[in-house]
C-alpha atoms as a PDB file:
ATOM      1  CA  MET A   1     -12.047  10.492  -3.426  1.00  0.00           C
ATOM      2  CA  ARG A   2      -9.036   9.528  -1.310  1.00  0.00           C
ATOM      3  CA  GLU A   3      -6.055   7.912  -2.982  1.00  0.00           C
ATOM      4  CA  ILE A   4      -4.273   4.858  -1.648  1.00  0.00           C
ATOM      5  CA  ILE A   5      -0.786   4.308  -3.054  1.00  0.00           C
ATOM      6  CA  LEU A   6       0.808   0.877  -2.941  1.00  0.00           C
ATOM      7  CA  TYR A   7       4.575   0.976  -3.412  1.00  0.00           C
ATOM      8  CA  THR A   8       5.510  -2.354  -4.925  1.00  0.00           C
ATOM      9  CA  THR A   9       7.724  -4.117  -7.434  1.00  0.00           C
ATOM     10  CA  GLN A  10       7.556  -7.155  -9.687  1.00  0.00           C
ATOM     11  CA  HIS A  11       8.158 -10.665  -8.366  1.00  0.00           C
ATOM     12  CA  CYS A  12       7.351  -9.637  -4.791  1.00  0.00           C
ATOM     13  CA  SER A  13       4.986 -12.084  -3.101  1.00  0.00           C
ATOM     14  CA  LEU A  14       4.409  -9.722  -0.152  1.00  0.00           C
ATOM     15  CA  CYS A  15       3.468  -6.979  -2.621  1.00  0.00           C
ATOM     16  CA  ASP A  16       1.030  -9.274  -4.418  1.00  0.00           C
ATOM     17  CA  ALA A  17      -0.544 -10.228  -1.088  1.00  0.00           C
ATOM     18  CA  ALA A  18      -0.860  -6.561  -0.070  1.00  0.00           C
ATOM     19  CA  PHE A  19      -2.560  -5.749  -3.390  1.00  0.00           C
ATOM     20  CA  ASP A  20      -5.020  -8.611  -2.915  1.00  0.00           C
ATOM     21  CA  MET A  21      -5.737  -7.486   0.657  1.00  0.00           C
ATOM     22  CA  LEU A  22      -6.458  -3.938  -0.503  1.00  0.00           C
ATOM     23  CA  LEU A  23      -8.871  -5.185  -3.142  1.00  0.00           C
ATOM     24  CA  SER A  24     -10.712  -7.315  -0.587  1.00  0.00           C
ATOM     25  CA  LEU A  25     -11.169  -4.724   2.169  1.00  0.00           C
ATOM     26  CA  PRO A  26     -14.366  -2.663   2.097  1.00  0.00           C
ATOM     27  CA  GLU A  27     -12.513   0.330   3.576  1.00  0.00           C
ATOM     28  CA  ALA A  28     -10.419   0.592   0.408  1.00  0.00           C
ATOM     29  CA  ARG A  29     -13.172   0.069  -2.167  1.00  0.00           C
ATOM     30  CA  ALA A  30     -14.409   3.665  -2.200  1.00  0.00           C
ATOM     31  CA  CYS A  31     -10.865   4.981  -2.703  1.00  0.00           C
ATOM     32  CA  SER A  32      -8.702   5.115  -5.786  1.00  0.00           C
ATOM     33  CA  LEU A  33      -5.789   2.684  -5.733  1.00  0.00           C
ATOM     34  CA  THR A  34      -2.515   3.516  -7.438  1.00  0.00           C
ATOM     35  CA  THR A  35       0.400   1.105  -7.613  1.00  0.00           C
ATOM     36  CA  LEU A  36       3.913   2.442  -8.074  1.00  0.00           C
ATOM     37  CA  ASP A  37       6.715   0.102  -9.081  1.00  0.00           C
ATOM     38  CA  ILE A  38       9.731   1.351  -7.150  1.00  0.00           C
ATOM     39  CA  ALA A  39      12.132  -0.343  -9.588  1.00  0.00           C
ATOM     40  CA  THR A  40      11.281   2.286 -12.206  1.00  0.00           C
ATOM     41  CA  ASP A  41      12.624   5.198 -10.149  1.00  0.00           C
ATOM     42  CA  GLU A  42      15.947   5.473  -8.309  1.00  0.00           C
ATOM     43  CA  ILE A  43      14.524   7.842  -5.691  1.00  0.00           C
ATOM     44  CA  LEU A  44      11.679   5.427  -4.936  1.00  0.00           C
ATOM     45  CA  MET A  45      14.189   2.569  -4.722  1.00  0.00           C
ATOM     46  CA  ASP A  46      16.224   4.507  -2.163  1.00  0.00           C
ATOM     47  CA  GLN A  47      13.143   5.487  -0.176  1.00  0.00           C
ATOM     48  CA  PHE A  48      11.164   2.220  -0.224  1.00  0.00           C
ATOM     49  CA  GLY A  49      13.569  -0.552  -1.313  1.00  0.00           C
ATOM     50  CA  GLU A  50      13.902  -2.175   2.109  1.00  0.00           C
ATOM     51  CA  ARG A  51      10.297  -1.565   3.203  1.00  0.00           C
ATOM     52  CA  ILE A  52       7.973  -2.761   0.425  1.00  0.00           C
ATOM     53  CA  PRO A  53       5.162  -3.259   0.213  1.00  0.00           C
ATOM     54  CA  VAL A  54       4.243   0.135   1.613  1.00  0.00           C
ATOM     55  CA  VAL A  55       0.672   1.429   1.694  1.00  0.00           C
ATOM     56  CA  ALA A  56       0.364   5.213   1.786  1.00  0.00           C
ATOM     57  CA  ILE A  57      -2.453   7.694   2.202  1.00  0.00           C
ATOM     58  CA  GLY A  58      -1.171  11.242   2.108  1.00  0.00           C
ATOM     59  CA  ASP A  59       1.849  11.388   4.421  1.00  0.00           C
ATOM     60  CA  ALA A  60       0.816   8.297   6.422  1.00  0.00           C
ATOM     61  CA  GLN A  61       2.564   5.043   5.545  1.00  0.00           C
ATOM     62  CA  LEU A  62       2.200   1.430   6.610  1.00  0.00           C
ATOM     63  CA  ASP A  63       5.330  -0.655   5.997  1.00  0.00           C
ATOM     64  CA  ALA A  64       5.526  -4.406   5.564  1.00  0.00           C
ATOM     65  CA  PRO A  65       5.078  -6.785   7.159  1.00  0.00           C
ATOM     66  CA  PHE A  66       1.376  -6.473   7.876  1.00  0.00           C
ATOM     67  CA  ASP A  67      -1.604  -8.791   7.754  1.00  0.00           C
ATOM     68  CA  ALA A  68      -5.191  -8.105   6.672  1.00  0.00           C
ATOM     69  CA  PRO A  69      -6.502  -7.172  10.165  1.00  0.00           C
ATOM     70  CA  THR A  70      -3.599  -4.742  10.675  1.00  0.00           C
ATOM     71  CA  LEU A  71      -4.163  -3.169   7.255  1.00  0.00           C
ATOM     72  CA  GLN A  72      -7.899  -2.909   7.883  1.00  0.00           C
ATOM     73  CA  ARG A  73      -7.386  -1.152  11.244  1.00  0.00           C
ATOM     74  CA  TRP A  74      -4.842   1.200   9.683  1.00  0.00           C
ATOM     75  CA  LEU A  75      -7.203   2.079   6.822  1.00  0.00           C
ATOM     76  CA  LYS A  76     -10.095   2.739   9.215  1.00  0.00           C
ATOM     77  CA  ASN A  77      -7.904   5.204  11.098  1.00  0.00           C
ATOM     78  CA  LYS A  78      -6.613   6.963   7.972  1.00  0.00           C
ATOM     79  CA  ILE A  79      -9.542   7.265   5.588  1.00  0.00           C
ATOM     80  CA  SER A  80     -13.061   8.441   5.553  1.00  0.00           C
ATOM     81  CA  CYS A  81     -14.056   7.787   1.954  1.00  0.00           C
END
């Protein structure tokens, strides 16, 4: 099973929207979804602080801002769950 990682943090409306989009897209349903709060790790803060939410599969990353159609196209190109 492929893993989708959502880099996020608390009180982030874009992050909440990205999470909701991932839950609603059929392309993501057969994958495991892990959320990582970047505020809990200084390295993650340095790497993702200006870009969240970030969706990652392996080395591929999709930075905000994105909408549902963009996320869906990106997922279709990155996963074959």
